[in-house]
Protein backbone atom coordinates (compact mmCIF):
# COMPACT_ATOMS: atom_id res chain seq x y z
CA UNK A 1 14.35 9.84 -24.49
CA UNK A 2 11.25 11.28 -26.14
CA UNK A 3 7.97 11.49 -24.26
CA UNK A 4 5.16 9.60 -25.90
CA UNK A 5 1.57 10.85 -26.14
CA UNK A 6 -1.04 9.05 -24.04
CA UNK A 7 -3.41 7.05 -26.18
CA UNK A 8 -6.80 6.86 -24.55
CA UNK A 9 -8.92 3.93 -25.59
CA UNK A 10 -11.72 3.61 -23.06
CA UNK A 11 -13.11 4.23 -19.60
CA UNK A 12 -15.32 2.82 -16.93
CA UNK A 13 -16.71 3.08 -13.46
CA UNK A 14 -15.76 1.58 -10.12
CA UNK A 15 -18.23 -1.13 -9.27
CA UNK A 16 -16.87 -2.11 -5.95
CA UNK A 17 -13.64 -1.18 -4.16
CA UNK A 18 -12.04 -4.42 -5.43
CA UNK A 19 -12.78 -4.24 -9.15
CA UNK A 20 -13.47 -1.93 -12.03
CA UNK A 21 -15.76 -2.35 -15.09
CA UNK A 22 -14.34 -0.89 -18.25
CA UNK A 23 -15.04 -0.85 -22.02
CA UNK A 24 -12.30 -0.55 -24.64
CA UNK A 25 -12.62 0.57 -28.25
CA UNK A 26 -10.83 -2.09 -30.20
CA UNK A 27 -11.06 -0.08 -33.45
CA UNK A 28 -8.83 2.73 -32.03
CA UNK A 29 -6.07 0.45 -30.71
CA UNK A 30 -2.88 1.36 -32.50
CA UNK A 31 -1.49 -1.62 -34.55
CA UNK A 32 2.11 -0.82 -33.56
CA UNK A 33 1.36 -1.56 -29.86
CA UNK A 34 -0.37 -5.00 -30.64
CA UNK A 35 2.01 -7.88 -30.16
CA UNK A 36 1.72 -11.63 -30.68
CA UNK A 37 2.67 -14.29 -28.24
CA UNK A 38 2.00 -18.08 -28.74
CA UNK A 39 -0.28 -17.25 -31.73
CA UNK A 40 -2.50 -14.88 -29.79
CA UNK A 41 -2.61 -11.09 -30.06
CA UNK A 42 -2.25 -8.81 -26.98
CA UNK A 43 -2.01 -5.16 -26.06
CA UNK A 44 -0.89 -3.72 -22.76
CA UNK A 45 -3.23 -1.20 -21.12
CA UNK A 46 -2.95 1.12 -18.14
CA UNK A 47 -6.12 1.27 -16.08
CA UNK A 48 -6.14 4.29 -13.66
CA UNK A 49 -8.59 5.81 -11.25
CA UNK A 50 -9.53 9.29 -12.30
CA UNK A 51 -9.23 12.12 -9.70
CA UNK A 52 -12.72 13.41 -10.64
CA UNK A 53 -15.64 11.84 -12.37
CA UNK A 54 -16.13 12.98 -15.90
CA UNK A 55 -19.36 14.29 -17.57
CA UNK A 56 -20.46 10.71 -18.41
CA UNK A 57 -19.97 9.50 -14.82
CA UNK A 58 -16.81 7.59 -15.52
CA UNK A 59 -14.07 7.50 -12.92
CA UNK A 60 -11.68 5.11 -14.55
CA UNK A 61 -9.31 5.90 -17.44
CA UNK A 62 -7.91 3.32 -19.84
CA UNK A 63 -4.95 3.98 -22.10
CA UNK A 64 -2.48 2.00 -24.14
CA UNK A 65 0.87 1.22 -22.39
CA UNK A 66 3.33 2.72 -24.86
CA UNK A 67 6.49 2.09 -22.73
CA UNK A 68 9.34 0.34 -24.56
CA UNK A 69 12.78 -0.32 -23.18
CA UNK A 70 15.59 1.69 -24.49
CA UNK A 71 17.66 -0.03 -27.11
CA UNK A 72 21.00 -1.33 -25.90
CA UNK A 73 23.96 0.42 -27.54
CA UNK A 74 26.04 -2.42 -29.08
CA UNK A 75 29.08 -0.22 -28.97
CA UNK A 76 28.83 0.20 -25.24
CA UNK A 77 28.42 -3.61 -24.85
CA UNK A 78 31.44 -4.37 -26.92
CA UNK A 79 33.44 -1.75 -24.98
CA UNK A 80 32.35 -3.26 -21.62
CA UNK A 81 33.11 -6.81 -22.86
CA UNK A 82 36.67 -5.79 -23.91
CA UNK A 83 37.23 -4.12 -20.53
CA UNK A 84 36.10 -7.19 -18.76
CA UNK A 85 38.32 -9.54 -20.95
CA UNK A 86 41.31 -7.21 -20.31
CA UNK A 87 40.54 -7.22 -16.54
CA UNK A 88 40.44 -3.43 -16.53
CA UNK A 89 39.13 -1.51 -13.62
CA UNK A 90 35.70 -0.20 -14.69
CA UNK A 91 35.15 2.17 -11.77
CA UNK A 92 36.09 5.86 -12.33
CA UNK A 93 37.69 6.22 -8.91
């Protein structure tokens, strides 16, 4: 699996312990990570506390969540289905 580059799209500051105030640059959001659901557009974001405050006083980092599940190999599914149909023992021991 290839490691994806982090796409930073904003930052913010802790206002209180229970919540964060952030800003996100919509222009820089990559189109390939925007998805539609029930006619509305969404993007998944990661919001993390920074270990140190940056030069602008921001202590919160915002990045695009680029995680995608691995594609299922159809060949392996077919092999497993045949083994189940044949009532084969699938354990290697």
